[in-house]
Amino acid sequence: MKGYRYSGLRVRLEAVLDLRDVSAMVLPSGALTRDDLSLPRSIAYAARRRAVEAMLVPSASLVGDTLILFLDLRRAGSVVDVIRTLDPNLGGA
């Protein structure tokens, strides 16, 4: 985990694509958490083309959810504040 930073954020966004319920999208269970990244990349590409600021997706670990921010597409009324950070050093020196 060396080289990674975990951050707690406070966000207020205007355009978020919520993909946590894959059954609503007629996708098979696990379609967004498999090793094959072609479907998630296609969805992200389509979201960016529609100027979505973020996607809320199931975590690959299946524990909780992940917010993917497209900071370059952030709208004027949206806010992203870092409220805490953690720099784990789990891989040794």
N, C-alpha and C. Protein backbone atom coordinates (compact mmCIF):
# COMPACT_ATOMS: atom_id res chain seq x y z
N MET A 1 0.81 -1.19 0.00
CA MET A 1 0.00 0.00 0.00
C MET A 1 0.86 1.26 0.00
N LYS A 2 2.15 1.06 -0.05
CA LYS A 2 3.03 2.21 -0.07
C LYS A 2 2.77 3.05 -1.31
N GLY A 3 2.73 4.35 -1.14
CA GLY A 3 2.48 5.24 -2.25
C GLY A 3 1.01 5.59 -2.44
N TYR A 4 0.14 5.02 -1.63
CA TYR A 4 -1.28 5.32 -1.72
C TYR A 4 -1.68 6.27 -0.60
N ARG A 5 -2.65 7.10 -0.86
CA ARG A 5 -3.21 7.99 0.15
C ARG A 5 -4.72 7.77 0.17
N TYR A 6 -5.24 7.60 1.36
CA TYR A 6 -6.68 7.49 1.55
C TYR A 6 -7.17 8.81 2.10
N SER A 7 -8.25 9.32 1.52
CA SER A 7 -8.77 10.61 1.94
C SER A 7 -10.25 10.52 2.23
N GLY A 8 -10.66 11.20 3.29
CA GLY A 8 -12.07 11.38 3.58
C GLY A 8 -12.49 12.69 2.96
N LEU A 9 -13.57 12.67 2.21
CA LEU A 9 -14.01 13.86 1.49
C LEU A 9 -15.41 14.26 1.91
N ARG A 10 -15.66 15.53 1.83
CA ARG A 10 -17.03 16.06 1.93
C ARG A 10 -17.35 16.59 0.54
N VAL A 11 -18.38 16.04 -0.07
CA VAL A 11 -18.70 16.43 -1.44
C VAL A 11 -20.15 16.86 -1.56
N ARG A 12 -20.34 17.80 -2.44
CA ARG A 12 -21.70 18.21 -2.85
C ARG A 12 -21.61 18.39 -4.36
N LEU A 13 -22.24 17.47 -5.07
CA LEU A 13 -22.13 17.44 -6.52
C LEU A 13 -23.50 17.58 -7.16
N GLU A 14 -23.50 18.06 -8.37
CA GLU A 14 -24.76 18.27 -9.09
C GLU A 14 -25.11 17.13 -10.03
N ALA A 15 -24.11 16.39 -10.53
CA ALA A 15 -24.37 15.34 -11.52
C ALA A 15 -23.56 14.09 -11.18
N VAL A 16 -24.22 13.12 -10.53
CA VAL A 16 -23.57 11.87 -10.13
C VAL A 16 -24.33 10.70 -10.75
N LEU A 17 -23.59 9.81 -11.35
CA LEU A 17 -24.18 8.59 -11.90
C LEU A 17 -24.05 7.50 -10.84
N ASP A 18 -25.18 7.03 -10.31
CA ASP A 18 -25.20 6.02 -9.25
C ASP A 18 -25.34 4.63 -9.88
N LEU A 19 -24.27 3.86 -9.79
CA LEU A 19 -24.25 2.52 -10.39
C LEU A 19 -24.24 1.42 -9.34
N ARG A 20 -24.64 1.72 -8.12
CA ARG A 20 -24.58 0.71 -7.05
C ARG A 20 -25.61 -0.40 -7.23
N ASP A 21 -26.71 -0.15 -7.90
CA ASP A 21 -27.73 -1.17 -8.11
C ASP A 21 -27.65 -1.67 -9.55
N VAL A 22 -26.79 -2.66 -9.79
CA VAL A 22 -26.60 -3.14 -11.16
C VAL A 22 -27.85 -3.82 -11.71
N SER A 23 -28.74 -4.29 -10.84
CA SER A 23 -29.96 -4.93 -11.34
C SER A 23 -30.84 -3.92 -12.08
N ALA A 24 -30.75 -2.65 -11.73
CA ALA A 24 -31.53 -1.61 -12.41
C ALA A 24 -30.99 -1.35 -13.81
N MET A 25 -29.77 -1.79 -14.09
CA MET A 25 -29.16 -1.56 -15.40
C MET A 25 -29.15 -2.82 -16.26
N VAL A 26 -29.81 -3.86 -15.81
CA VAL A 26 -29.87 -5.13 -16.52
C VAL A 26 -28.46 -5.66 -16.79
N LEU A 27 -27.62 -5.60 -15.77
CA LEU A 27 -26.27 -6.16 -15.84
C LEU A 27 -26.21 -7.36 -14.91
N PRO A 28 -25.43 -8.36 -15.27
CA PRO A 28 -25.30 -9.50 -14.37
C PRO A 28 -24.57 -9.11 -13.09
N SER A 29 -24.88 -9.80 -12.01
CA SER A 29 -24.21 -9.55 -10.74
C SER A 29 -22.70 -9.65 -10.91
N GLY A 30 -21.98 -8.71 -10.36
CA GLY A 30 -20.52 -8.71 -10.45
C GLY A 30 -19.97 -8.11 -11.74
N ALA A 31 -20.83 -7.61 -12.60
CA ALA A 31 -20.38 -7.09 -13.90
C ALA A 31 -19.41 -5.93 -13.75
N LEU A 32 -19.54 -5.16 -12.68
CA LEU A 32 -18.67 -4.00 -12.50
C LEU A 32 -17.49 -4.28 -11.59
N THR A 33 -17.41 -5.48 -11.03
CA THR A 33 -16.32 -5.78 -10.10
C THR A 33 -15.42 -6.91 -10.59
N ARG A 34 -15.57 -7.33 -11.81
CA ARG A 34 -14.73 -8.39 -12.38
C ARG A 34 -13.37 -7.83 -12.78
N ASP A 35 -12.45 -8.73 -13.08
CA ASP A 35 -11.11 -8.33 -13.53
C ASP A 35 -11.13 -7.71 -14.93
N ASP A 36 -12.11 -8.05 -15.75
CA ASP A 36 -12.22 -7.47 -17.09
C ASP A 36 -12.74 -6.04 -16.95
N LEU A 37 -11.92 -5.08 -17.33
CA LEU A 37 -12.25 -3.66 -17.13
C LEU A 37 -12.93 -3.02 -18.33
N SER A 38 -13.22 -3.77 -19.37
CA SER A 38 -13.79 -3.16 -20.58
C SER A 38 -15.16 -2.53 -20.33
N LEU A 39 -16.04 -3.18 -19.59
CA LEU A 39 -17.37 -2.62 -19.31
C LEU A 39 -17.27 -1.39 -18.41
N PRO A 40 -16.57 -1.45 -17.26
CA PRO A 40 -16.45 -0.24 -16.44
C PRO A 40 -15.82 0.93 -17.20
N ARG A 41 -14.83 0.66 -18.03
CA ARG A 41 -14.21 1.75 -18.80
C ARG A 41 -15.18 2.35 -19.80
N SER A 42 -15.98 1.52 -20.43
CA SER A 42 -16.98 2.01 -21.38
C SER A 42 -18.02 2.88 -20.68
N ILE A 43 -18.44 2.46 -19.49
CA ILE A 43 -19.41 3.24 -18.73
C ILE A 43 -18.80 4.58 -18.31
N ALA A 44 -17.55 4.56 -17.85
CA ALA A 44 -16.88 5.82 -17.45
C ALA A 44 -16.73 6.74 -18.65
N TYR A 45 -16.38 6.20 -19.79
CA TYR A 45 -16.24 7.02 -20.99
C TYR A 45 -17.57 7.68 -21.34
N ALA A 46 -18.66 6.90 -21.30
CA ALA A 46 -19.99 7.44 -21.60
C ALA A 46 -20.40 8.50 -20.58
N ALA A 47 -20.09 8.27 -19.31
CA ALA A 47 -20.42 9.25 -18.26
C ALA A 47 -19.68 10.55 -18.49
N ARG A 48 -18.39 10.47 -18.82
CA ARG A 48 -17.60 11.68 -19.08
C ARG A 48 -18.15 12.43 -20.29
N ARG A 49 -18.56 11.72 -21.31
CA ARG A 49 -19.12 12.39 -22.50
C ARG A 49 -20.39 13.15 -22.16
N ARG A 50 -21.08 12.71 -21.12
CA ARG A 50 -22.32 13.38 -20.70
C ARG A 50 -22.06 14.37 -19.57
N ALA A 51 -20.78 14.67 -19.32
CA ALA A 51 -20.35 15.67 -18.32
C ALA A 51 -20.81 15.33 -16.91
N VAL A 52 -20.84 14.03 -16.58
CA VAL A 52 -21.13 13.61 -15.20
C VAL A 52 -19.90 13.92 -14.35
N GLU A 53 -20.11 14.47 -13.16
CA GLU A 53 -19.00 14.85 -12.27
C GLU A 53 -18.39 13.67 -11.54
N ALA A 54 -19.19 12.64 -11.31
CA ALA A 54 -18.73 11.50 -10.52
C ALA A 54 -19.59 10.29 -10.79
N MET A 55 -19.04 9.13 -10.45
CA MET A 55 -19.80 7.89 -10.49
C MET A 55 -19.70 7.24 -9.11
N LEU A 56 -20.81 6.76 -8.61
CA LEU A 56 -20.85 6.02 -7.35
C LEU A 56 -21.02 4.56 -7.72
N VAL A 57 -20.01 3.75 -7.38
CA VAL A 57 -19.97 2.36 -7.85
C VAL A 57 -19.71 1.42 -6.68
N PRO A 58 -20.07 0.12 -6.83
CA PRO A 58 -19.72 -0.85 -5.80
C PRO A 58 -18.20 -0.99 -5.72
N SER A 59 -17.68 -1.12 -4.53
CA SER A 59 -16.25 -1.32 -4.35
C SER A 59 -15.84 -2.67 -4.92
N ALA A 60 -14.67 -2.74 -5.52
CA ALA A 60 -14.17 -4.00 -6.06
C ALA A 60 -14.02 -5.05 -4.96
N SER A 61 -13.79 -4.60 -3.72
CA SER A 61 -13.68 -5.54 -2.60
C SER A 61 -15.05 -5.98 -2.10
N LEU A 62 -16.10 -5.36 -2.64
CA LEU A 62 -17.49 -5.60 -2.25
C LEU A 62 -17.79 -5.14 -0.83
N VAL A 63 -16.91 -4.33 -0.27
CA VAL A 63 -17.13 -3.73 1.04
C VAL A 63 -17.33 -2.24 0.83
N GLY A 64 -18.55 -1.78 0.97
CA GLY A 64 -18.83 -0.36 0.79
C GLY A 64 -18.91 0.02 -0.69
N ASP A 65 -18.78 1.32 -0.93
CA ASP A 65 -18.90 1.86 -2.27
C ASP A 65 -17.70 2.75 -2.56
N THR A 66 -17.51 3.08 -3.83
CA THR A 66 -16.42 3.93 -4.27
C THR A 66 -16.98 5.10 -5.06
N LEU A 67 -16.52 6.29 -4.75
CA LEU A 67 -16.89 7.48 -5.50
C LEU A 67 -15.73 7.82 -6.43
N ILE A 68 -16.00 7.79 -7.72
CA ILE A 68 -15.00 8.14 -8.72
C ILE A 68 -15.29 9.57 -9.16
N LEU A 69 -14.38 10.47 -8.86
CA LEU A 69 -14.56 11.88 -9.18
C LEU A 69 -13.87 12.22 -10.50
N PHE A 70 -14.56 12.97 -11.33
CA PHE A 70 -13.97 13.54 -12.53
C PHE A 70 -13.78 15.03 -12.24
N LEU A 71 -12.69 15.35 -11.58
CA LEU A 71 -12.49 16.72 -11.11
C LEU A 71 -12.47 17.74 -12.24
N ASP A 72 -12.03 17.33 -13.41
CA ASP A 72 -12.00 18.25 -14.53
C ASP A 72 -13.40 18.58 -15.05
N LEU A 73 -14.41 17.82 -14.62
CA LEU A 73 -15.79 18.06 -15.04
C LEU A 73 -16.64 18.66 -13.91
N ARG A 74 -15.98 19.04 -12.82
CA ARG A 74 -16.71 19.60 -11.67
C ARG A 74 -17.42 20.89 -12.07
N ARG A 75 -18.66 20.99 -11.68
CA ARG A 75 -19.47 22.17 -12.01
C ARG A 75 -19.23 23.28 -11.00
N ALA A 76 -19.57 24.49 -11.37
CA ALA A 76 -19.29 25.66 -10.55
C ALA A 76 -19.93 25.56 -9.16
N GLY A 77 -21.11 24.97 -9.06
CA GLY A 77 -21.80 24.88 -7.78
C GLY A 77 -21.41 23.68 -6.93
N SER A 78 -20.52 22.86 -7.41
CA SER A 78 -20.13 21.66 -6.68
C SER A 78 -18.94 21.94 -5.76
N VAL A 79 -18.86 21.13 -4.68
CA VAL A 79 -17.81 21.31 -3.68
C VAL A 79 -17.16 19.96 -3.39
N VAL A 80 -15.84 19.94 -3.33
CA VAL A 80 -15.08 18.76 -2.91
C VAL A 80 -14.05 19.25 -1.90
N ASP A 81 -14.23 18.87 -0.63
CA ASP A 81 -13.31 19.26 0.44
C ASP A 81 -12.67 18.02 1.04
N VAL A 82 -11.35 18.05 1.22
CA VAL A 82 -10.65 16.98 1.92
C VAL A 82 -10.78 17.25 3.41
N ILE A 83 -11.33 16.29 4.16
CA ILE A 83 -11.50 16.49 5.60
C ILE A 83 -10.50 15.70 6.43
N ARG A 84 -9.88 14.66 5.83
CA ARG A 84 -8.82 13.92 6.52
C ARG A 84 -8.07 13.07 5.50
N THR A 85 -6.83 12.73 5.83
CA THR A 85 -6.04 11.86 4.95
C THR A 85 -5.31 10.82 5.80
N LEU A 86 -4.99 9.72 5.18
CA LEU A 86 -4.23 8.66 5.82
C LEU A 86 -3.23 8.15 4.80
N ASP A 87 -1.95 8.14 5.16
CA ASP A 87 -0.89 7.62 4.31
C ASP A 87 -0.38 6.32 4.93
N PRO A 88 -1.01 5.18 4.60
CA PRO A 88 -0.58 3.92 5.21
C PRO A 88 0.75 3.48 4.64
N ASN A 89 1.53 2.85 5.48
CA ASN A 89 2.80 2.28 5.04
C ASN A 89 2.76 0.79 5.39
N LEU A 90 1.98 0.07 4.61
CA LEU A 90 1.76 -1.35 4.90
C LEU A 90 2.78 -2.23 4.21
N GLY A 91 3.60 -1.66 3.33
CA GLY A 91 4.55 -2.46 2.59
C GLY A 91 5.97 -2.37 3.14
N GLY A 92 6.14 -1.79 4.31
CA GLY A 92 7.48 -1.64 4.88
C GLY A 92 8.12 -0.35 4.46
N ALA A 93 9.39 -0.22 4.70
CA ALA A 93 10.11 1.03 4.45
C ALA A 93 10.21 1.38 3.06
